[in-house]
């Protein structure tokens, strides 16, 4: 932690071949840098401060024969089933909290460049989410998100989602019952694939 107790940084070097893959040291290390800052800010005429947190993370890696098709829906399988090249990613997150109201936003991007430089591929996406606590352990939320897994093409994987939901927190710590409705819009080949979901969530670890 840096002086001031509201700024921190983390640096990590990782090695591996991906989930469910035999360990191999043929790939370069994944280098990750993450910066975070949090602070309480004055909020209009309220005596309660606005809690703000900002996080920025970047990672770089030189990949050798890695399969990214499970992560990148709609990506060219002839390229990303056995990808060799540079893998760069960035993530920016903002969280604002005041009383029972919380606003969360996040932007993510990934850029892949083959070793010969012939293919330079970009994916990115973002979301905004507003949560509002109600009385008696109820919470309502609204989320808007967009994702483009390949900027070079327009297809059904380019998607916009709007989700409305209602959560009920049970007495047991970490338990939640959630109902949500998601409306999906594809940029091409749109279909009627809205989702209505009822789920029970249990969190083993709580922040």
C-alpha atoms as a PDB file:
ATOM      1  CA  UNK A   1       0.000   0.000   0.000  1.00  0.00           C
ATOM      2  CA  UNK A   2       1.175   3.500  -0.781  1.00  0.00           C
ATOM      3  CA  UNK A   3       0.961   6.362   1.748  1.00  0.00           C
ATOM      4  CA  UNK A   4      -2.591   7.591   2.248  1.00  0.00           C
ATOM      5  CA  UNK A   5      -4.088   4.116   2.767  1.00  0.00           C
ATOM      6  CA  UNK A   6      -6.355   4.408  -0.263  1.00  0.00           C
ATOM      7  CA  UNK A   7      -3.996   3.534  -3.127  1.00  0.00           C
ATOM      8  CA  UNK A   8      -2.517   0.093  -3.758  1.00  0.00           C
ATOM      9  CA  UNK A   9      -0.649  -1.722  -6.499  1.00  0.00           C
ATOM     10  CA  UNK A  10      -0.071  -5.384  -7.329  1.00  0.00           C
ATOM     11  CA  UNK A  11       2.375  -7.020  -9.732  1.00  0.00           C
ATOM     12  CA  UNK A  12       2.251 -10.712 -10.639  1.00  0.00           C
ATOM     13  CA  UNK A  13       4.038 -13.125 -12.968  1.00  0.00           C
ATOM     14  CA  UNK A  14       2.195 -16.345 -13.835  1.00  0.00           C
ATOM     15  CA  UNK A  15       2.989 -19.432 -15.875  1.00  0.00           C
ATOM     16  CA  UNK A  16       0.757 -22.197 -17.206  1.00  0.00           C
ATOM     17  CA  UNK A  17      -1.013 -23.617 -20.231  1.00  0.00           C
ATOM     18  CA  UNK A  18      -4.635 -22.809 -19.420  1.00  0.00           C
ATOM     19  CA  UNK A  19      -7.417 -24.641 -17.624  1.00  0.00           C
ATOM     20  CA  UNK A  20      -7.800 -28.388 -18.226  1.00  0.00           C
ATOM     21  CA  UNK A  21      -4.548 -28.433 -20.203  1.00  0.00           C
ATOM     22  CA  UNK A  22      -1.382 -30.366 -19.505  1.00  0.00           C
ATOM     23  CA  UNK A  23       1.195 -28.066 -17.917  1.00  0.00           C
ATOM     24  CA  UNK A  24       3.839 -26.864 -20.345  1.00  0.00           C
ATOM     25  CA  UNK A  25       6.546 -24.227 -19.983  1.00  0.00           C
ATOM     26  CA  UNK A  26       6.609 -23.384 -23.679  1.00  0.00           C
ATOM     27  CA  UNK A  27       4.563 -20.203 -23.151  1.00  0.00           C
ATOM     28  CA  UNK A  28       5.995 -16.965 -21.852  1.00  0.00           C
ATOM     29  CA  UNK A  29       4.980 -15.633 -18.462  1.00  0.00           C
ATOM     30  CA  UNK A  30       1.736 -13.735 -18.045  1.00  0.00           C
ATOM     31  CA  UNK A  31       2.649 -10.381 -16.501  1.00  0.00           C
ATOM     32  CA  UNK A  32      -0.103  -8.558 -14.630  1.00  0.00           C
ATOM     33  CA  UNK A  33      -0.148  -5.061 -13.139  1.00  0.00           C
ATOM     34  CA  UNK A  34      -3.123  -3.826 -11.138  1.00  0.00           C
ATOM     35  CA  UNK A  35      -3.641  -0.401  -9.584  1.00  0.00           C
ATOM     36  CA  UNK A  36      -6.484   0.442  -7.235  1.00  0.00           C
ATOM     37  CA  UNK A  37      -7.650   3.555  -5.411  1.00  0.00           C
ATOM     38  CA  UNK A  38     -10.519   4.029  -2.977  1.00  0.00           C
ATOM     39  CA  UNK A  39     -11.664   7.075  -1.086  1.00  0.00           C
ATOM     40  CA  UNK A  40     -14.668   8.543   0.700  1.00  0.00           C
ATOM     41  CA  UNK A  41     -15.888  11.729  -0.975  1.00  0.00           C
ATOM     42  CA  UNK A  42     -18.370  14.391   0.193  1.00  0.00           C
ATOM     43  CA  UNK A  43     -21.796  13.885  -1.353  1.00  0.00           C
ATOM     44  CA  UNK A  44     -24.007  16.960  -1.711  1.00  0.00           C
ATOM     45  CA  UNK A  45     -25.796  17.745   1.578  1.00  0.00           C
ATOM     46  CA  UNK A  46     -25.604  14.199   2.939  1.00  0.00           C
ATOM     47  CA  UNK A  47     -23.582  13.484   6.071  1.00  0.00           C
ATOM     48  CA  UNK A  48     -22.775  10.033   4.682  1.00  0.00           C
ATOM     49  CA  UNK A  49     -19.832  10.113   2.243  1.00  0.00           C
ATOM     50  CA  UNK A  50     -19.775   8.661  -1.244  1.00  0.00           C
ATOM     51  CA  UNK A  51     -17.487   5.605  -1.272  1.00  0.00           C
ATOM     52  CA  UNK A  52     -15.587   5.493  -4.568  1.00  0.00           C
ATOM     53  CA  UNK A  53     -13.223   2.814  -5.856  1.00  0.00           C
ATOM     54  CA  UNK A  54     -11.303   2.723  -9.147  1.00  0.00           C
ATOM     55  CA  UNK A  55      -9.264  -0.220 -10.429  1.00  0.00           C
ATOM     56  CA  UNK A  56      -7.095  -0.536 -13.544  1.00  0.00           C
ATOM     57  CA  UNK A  57      -5.425  -3.782 -14.609  1.00  0.00           C
ATOM     58  CA  UNK A  58      -3.265  -4.670 -17.618  1.00  0.00           C
ATOM     59  CA  UNK A  59      -1.693  -7.968 -18.630  1.00  0.00           C
ATOM     60  CA  UNK A  60       0.710  -9.042 -21.378  1.00  0.00           C
ATOM     61  CA  UNK A  61       1.873 -12.460 -22.553  1.00  0.00           C
ATOM     62  CA  UNK A  62       3.648 -14.064 -25.480  1.00  0.00           C
ATOM     63  CA  UNK A  63       1.500 -17.090 -26.287  1.00  0.00           C
ATOM     64  CA  UNK A  64       2.661 -20.231 -28.061  1.00  0.00           C
ATOM     65  CA  UNK A  65      -0.075 -22.567 -29.345  1.00  0.00           C
ATOM     66  CA  UNK A  66      -2.829 -21.575 -26.887  1.00  0.00           C
ATOM     67  CA  UNK A  67      -6.533 -22.255 -27.461  1.00  0.00           C
ATOM     68  CA  UNK A  68      -8.637 -19.118 -26.899  1.00  0.00           C
ATOM     69  CA  UNK A  69     -11.822 -20.300 -28.635  1.00  0.00           C
ATOM     70  CA  UNK A  70     -13.517 -21.042 -25.309  1.00  0.00           C
ATOM     71  CA  UNK A  71     -13.049 -17.418 -24.218  1.00  0.00           C
ATOM     72  CA  UNK A  72     -13.868 -15.632 -27.476  1.00  0.00           C
ATOM     73  CA  UNK A  73     -17.310 -16.460 -28.813  1.00  0.00           C
ATOM     74  CA  UNK A  74     -17.520 -15.979 -32.569  1.00  0.00           C
ATOM     75  CA  UNK A  75     -13.742 -15.731 -33.058  1.00  0.00           C
ATOM     76  CA  UNK A  76     -12.039 -17.346 -36.061  1.00  0.00           C
ATOM     77  CA  UNK A  77     -11.274 -20.901 -34.929  1.00  0.00           C
ATOM     78  CA  UNK A  78      -8.595 -21.348 -37.598  1.00  0.00           C
ATOM     79  CA  UNK A  79      -6.587 -18.643 -35.821  1.00  0.00           C
ATOM     80  CA  UNK A  80      -7.477 -18.988 -32.157  1.00  0.00           C
ATOM     81  CA  UNK A  81      -7.528 -22.770 -31.713  1.00  0.00           C
ATOM     82  CA  UNK A  82      -3.718 -22.730 -31.946  1.00  0.00           C
ATOM     83  CA  UNK A  83      -2.809 -19.101 -31.343  1.00  0.00           C
ATOM     84  CA  UNK A  84       0.810 -17.948 -31.224  1.00  0.00           C
ATOM     85  CA  UNK A  85       1.538 -14.276 -30.699  1.00  0.00           C
ATOM     86  CA  UNK A  86       1.113 -11.388 -28.293  1.00  0.00           C
ATOM     87  CA  UNK A  87      -1.839 -11.297 -25.895  1.00  0.00           C
ATOM     88  CA  UNK A  88      -2.610  -7.907 -24.288  1.00  0.00           C
ATOM     89  CA  UNK A  89      -5.587  -7.167 -22.046  1.00  0.00           C
ATOM     90  CA  UNK A  90      -6.923  -4.225 -20.065  1.00  0.00           C
ATOM     91  CA  UNK A  91      -9.647  -3.835 -17.460  1.00  0.00           C
ATOM     92  CA  UNK A  92     -11.032  -0.643 -15.876  1.00  0.00           C
ATOM     93  CA  UNK A  93     -13.634  -0.795 -13.096  1.00  0.00           C
ATOM     94  CA  UNK A  94     -15.459   1.920 -11.148  1.00  0.00           C
ATOM     95  CA  UNK A  95     -17.639   1.376  -8.068  1.00  0.00           C
ATOM     96  CA  UNK A  96     -19.660   4.110  -6.335  1.00  0.00           C
ATOM     97  CA  UNK A  97     -21.651   3.438  -3.175  1.00  0.00           C
ATOM     98  CA  UNK A  98     -23.865   5.711  -1.084  1.00  0.00           C
ATOM     99  CA  UNK A  99     -26.170   4.225   1.499  1.00  0.00           C
ATOM    100  CA  UNK A 100     -28.174   1.450  -0.124  1.00  0.00           C
ATOM    101  CA  UNK A 101     -27.376   2.616  -3.663  1.00  0.00           C
ATOM    102  CA  UNK A 102     -24.479   1.175  -5.649  1.00  0.00           C
ATOM    103  CA  UNK A 103     -23.275   1.935  -9.185  1.00  0.00           C
ATOM    104  CA  UNK A 104     -20.805  -0.420 -10.892  1.00  0.00           C
ATOM    105  CA  UNK A 105     -19.184  -0.004 -14.303  1.00  0.00           C
ATOM    106  CA  UNK A 106     -16.474  -1.985 -16.057  1.00  0.00           C
ATOM    107  CA  UNK A 107     -14.652  -1.873 -19.396  1.00  0.00           C
ATOM    108  CA  UNK A 108     -12.641  -4.809 -20.754  1.00  0.00           C
ATOM    109  CA  UNK A 109     -10.523  -5.147 -23.880  1.00  0.00           C
ATOM    110  CA  UNK A 110      -8.234  -7.769 -25.393  1.00  0.00           C
ATOM    111  CA  UNK A 111      -5.856  -7.474 -28.338  1.00  0.00           C
ATOM    112  CA  UNK A 112      -4.162 -10.423 -30.016  1.00  0.00           C
ATOM    113  CA  UNK A 113      -1.401 -10.038 -32.603  1.00  0.00           C
ATOM    114  CA  UNK A 114       0.146 -13.026 -34.380  1.00  0.00           C
ATOM    115  CA  UNK A 115       3.918 -13.392 -34.412  1.00  0.00           C
ATOM    116  CA  UNK A 116       4.104 -12.534 -38.117  1.00  0.00           C
ATOM    117  CA  UNK A 117       1.905  -9.479 -37.565  1.00  0.00           C
ATOM    118  CA  UNK A 118      -0.576 -10.541 -40.253  1.00  0.00           C
ATOM    119  CA  UNK A 119      -3.485 -10.756 -37.807  1.00  0.00           C
ATOM    120  CA  UNK A 120      -4.271  -8.064 -35.245  1.00  0.00           C
ATOM    121  CA  UNK A 121      -7.537  -8.813 -33.509  1.00  0.00           C
ATOM    122  CA  UNK A 122      -9.455  -6.690 -30.985  1.00  0.00           C
ATOM    123  CA  UNK A 123     -12.336  -7.514 -28.652  1.00  0.00           C
ATOM    124  CA  UNK A 124     -13.927  -5.286 -26.045  1.00  0.00           C
ATOM    125  CA  UNK A 125     -17.029  -4.726 -23.990  1.00  0.00           C
ATOM    126  CA  UNK A 126     -18.479  -2.831 -21.076  1.00  0.00           C
ATOM    127  CA  UNK A 127     -21.388  -2.752 -18.659  1.00  0.00           C
ATOM    128  CA  UNK A 128     -23.201  -0.420 -16.268  1.00  0.00           C
ATOM    129  CA  UNK A 129     -25.139  -1.736 -13.289  1.00  0.00           C
ATOM    130  CA  UNK A 130     -27.267   0.047 -10.697  1.00  0.00           C
ATOM    131  CA  UNK A 131     -28.205  -1.736  -7.449  1.00  0.00           C
ATOM    132  CA  UNK A 132     -30.693  -0.437  -4.909  1.00  0.00           C
ATOM    133  CA  UNK A 133     -31.280  -2.045  -1.520  1.00  0.00           C
ATOM    134  CA  UNK A 134     -34.865  -2.118  -0.298  1.00  0.00           C
ATOM    135  CA  UNK A 135     -36.376  -2.918   3.068  1.00  0.00           C
ATOM    136  CA  UNK A 136     -36.356  -6.421   4.551  1.00  0.00           C
ATOM    137  CA  UNK A 137     -33.327  -7.764   2.628  1.00  0.00           C
ATOM    138  CA  UNK A 138     -34.674  -7.003  -0.860  1.00  0.00           C
ATOM    139  CA  UNK A 139     -32.586  -5.525  -3.667  1.00  0.00           C
ATOM    140  CA  UNK A 140     -33.466  -4.451  -7.222  1.00  0.00           C
ATOM    141  CA  UNK A 141     -30.914  -4.024 -10.004  1.00  0.00           C
ATOM    142  CA  UNK A 142     -30.653  -2.873 -13.604  1.00  0.00           C
ATOM    143  CA  UNK A 143     -27.746  -3.801 -15.886  1.00  0.00           C
ATOM    144  CA  UNK A 144     -26.814  -2.751 -19.421  1.00  0.00           C
ATOM    145  CA  UNK A 145     -23.925  -4.457 -21.228  1.00  0.00           C
ATOM    146  CA  UNK A 146     -22.353  -4.651 -24.684  1.00  0.00           C
ATOM    147  CA  UNK A 147     -19.699  -7.009 -26.042  1.00  0.00           C
ATOM    148  CA  UNK A 148     -17.955  -7.276 -29.404  1.00  0.00           C
ATOM    149  CA  UNK A 149     -15.732 -10.390 -29.592  1.00  0.00           C
ATOM    150  CA  UNK A 150     -14.209  -9.408 -32.949  1.00  0.00           C
ATOM    151  CA  UNK A 151     -14.130  -5.846 -34.295  1.00  0.00           C
ATOM    152  CA  UNK A 152     -13.292  -7.036 -37.804  1.00  0.00           C
ATOM    153  CA  UNK A 153     -16.677  -8.714 -38.338  1.00  0.00           C
ATOM    154  CA  UNK A 154     -20.324  -8.103 -37.487  1.00  0.00           C
ATOM    155  CA  UNK A 155     -22.261 -11.204 -36.466  1.00  0.00           C
ATOM    156  CA  UNK A 156     -24.675 -12.595 -33.882  1.00  0.00           C
ATOM    157  CA  UNK A 157     -21.929 -12.661 -31.245  1.00  0.00           C
ATOM    158  CA  UNK A 158     -21.980  -8.834 -31.175  1.00  0.00           C
ATOM    159  CA  UNK A 159     -24.542  -8.504 -28.438  1.00  0.00           C
ATOM    160  CA  UNK A 160     -26.297  -5.973 -26.241  1.00  0.00           C
ATOM    161  CA  UNK A 161     -28.052  -7.141 -23.076  1.00  0.00           C
ATOM    162  CA  UNK A 162     -30.374  -5.349 -20.684  1.00  0.00           C
ATOM    163  CA  UNK A 163     -31.146  -7.146 -17.424  1.00  0.00           C
ATOM    164  CA  UNK A 164     -33.680  -6.305 -14.737  1.00  0.00           C
ATOM    165  CA  UNK A 165     -33.670  -8.281 -11.534  1.00  0.00           C
ATOM    166  CA  UNK A 166     -34.812  -8.701  -7.975  1.00  0.00           C
ATOM    167  CA  UNK A 167     -32.778 -10.325  -5.186  1.00  0.00           C
ATOM    168  CA  UNK A 168     -33.748 -11.526  -1.729  1.00  0.00           C
ATOM    169  CA  UNK A 169     -30.995 -12.075   0.840  1.00  0.00           C
ATOM    170  CA  UNK A 170     -31.774 -14.930   3.206  1.00  0.00           C
ATOM    171  CA  UNK A 171     -30.967 -14.882   6.905  1.00  0.00           C
ATOM    172  CA  UNK A 172     -28.030 -17.229   6.453  1.00  0.00           C
ATOM    173  CA  UNK A 173     -24.888 -15.274   5.579  1.00  0.00           C
ATOM    174  CA  UNK A 174     -24.007 -15.547   1.909  1.00  0.00           C
ATOM    175  CA  UNK A 175     -27.330 -16.895   0.620  1.00  0.00           C
ATOM    176  CA  UNK A 176     -29.328 -15.107  -2.063  1.00  0.00           C
ATOM    177  CA  UNK A 177     -32.383 -15.902  -4.175  1.00  0.00           C
ATOM    178  CA  UNK A 178     -32.398 -13.960  -7.447  1.00  0.00           C
ATOM    179  CA  UNK A 179     -34.911 -13.512 -10.256  1.00  0.00           C
ATOM    180  CA  UNK A 180     -33.841 -11.780 -13.467  1.00  0.00           C
ATOM    181  CA  UNK A 181     -35.080 -11.064 -16.976  1.00  0.00           C
ATOM    182  CA  UNK A 182     -32.550 -10.397 -19.771  1.00  0.00           C
ATOM    183  CA  UNK A 183     -33.392  -8.892 -23.152  1.00  0.00           C
ATOM    184  CA  UNK A 184     -30.772  -9.630 -25.831  1.00  0.00           C
ATOM    185  CA  UNK A 185     -30.154  -7.781 -29.091  1.00  0.00           C
ATOM    186  CA  UNK A 186     -27.725  -9.064 -31.730  1.00  0.00           C
ATOM    187  CA  UNK A 187     -26.238  -6.794 -34.416  1.00  0.00           C
ATOM    188  CA  UNK A 188     -26.848  -9.481 -37.051  1.00  0.00           C
ATOM    189  CA  UNK A 189     -29.055 -12.598 -37.288  1.00  0.00           C
ATOM    190  CA  UNK A 190     -31.145 -11.487 -34.317  1.00  0.00           C
ATOM    191  CA  UNK A 191     -33.338 -14.102 -32.669  1.00  0.00           C
ATOM    192  CA  UNK A 192     -35.892 -14.284 -29.889  1.00  0.00           C
ATOM    193  CA  UNK A 193     -33.626 -15.530 -27.121  1.00  0.00           C
ATOM    194  CA  UNK A 194     -34.537 -13.468 -24.074  1.00  0.00           C
ATOM    195  CA  UNK A 195     -33.842 -15.221 -20.785  1.00  0.00           C
ATOM    196  CA  UNK A 196     -35.889 -15.397 -17.598  1.00  0.00           C
ATOM    197  CA  UNK A 197     -33.935 -16.931 -14.728  1.00  0.00           C
ATOM    198  CA  UNK A 198     -34.510 -17.925 -11.120  1.00  0.00           C
ATOM    199  CA  UNK A 199     -31.376 -18.936  -9.233  1.00  0.00           C
ATOM    200  CA  UNK A 200     -30.070 -19.578  -5.752  1.00  0.00           C
ATOM    201  CA  UNK A 201     -26.578 -18.317  -4.950  1.00  0.00           C
ATOM    202  CA  UNK A 202     -24.291 -19.223  -2.088  1.00  0.00           C
ATOM    203  CA  UNK A 203     -21.057 -17.293  -1.582  1.00  0.00           C
ATOM    204  CA  UNK A 204     -18.258 -19.186   0.134  1.00  0.00           C
ATOM    205  CA  UNK A 205     -16.131 -16.061   0.518  1.00  0.00           C
ATOM    206  CA  UNK A 206     -17.428 -12.602   1.268  1.00  0.00           C
ATOM    207  CA  UNK A 207     -15.546  -9.318   0.996  1.00  0.00           C
END
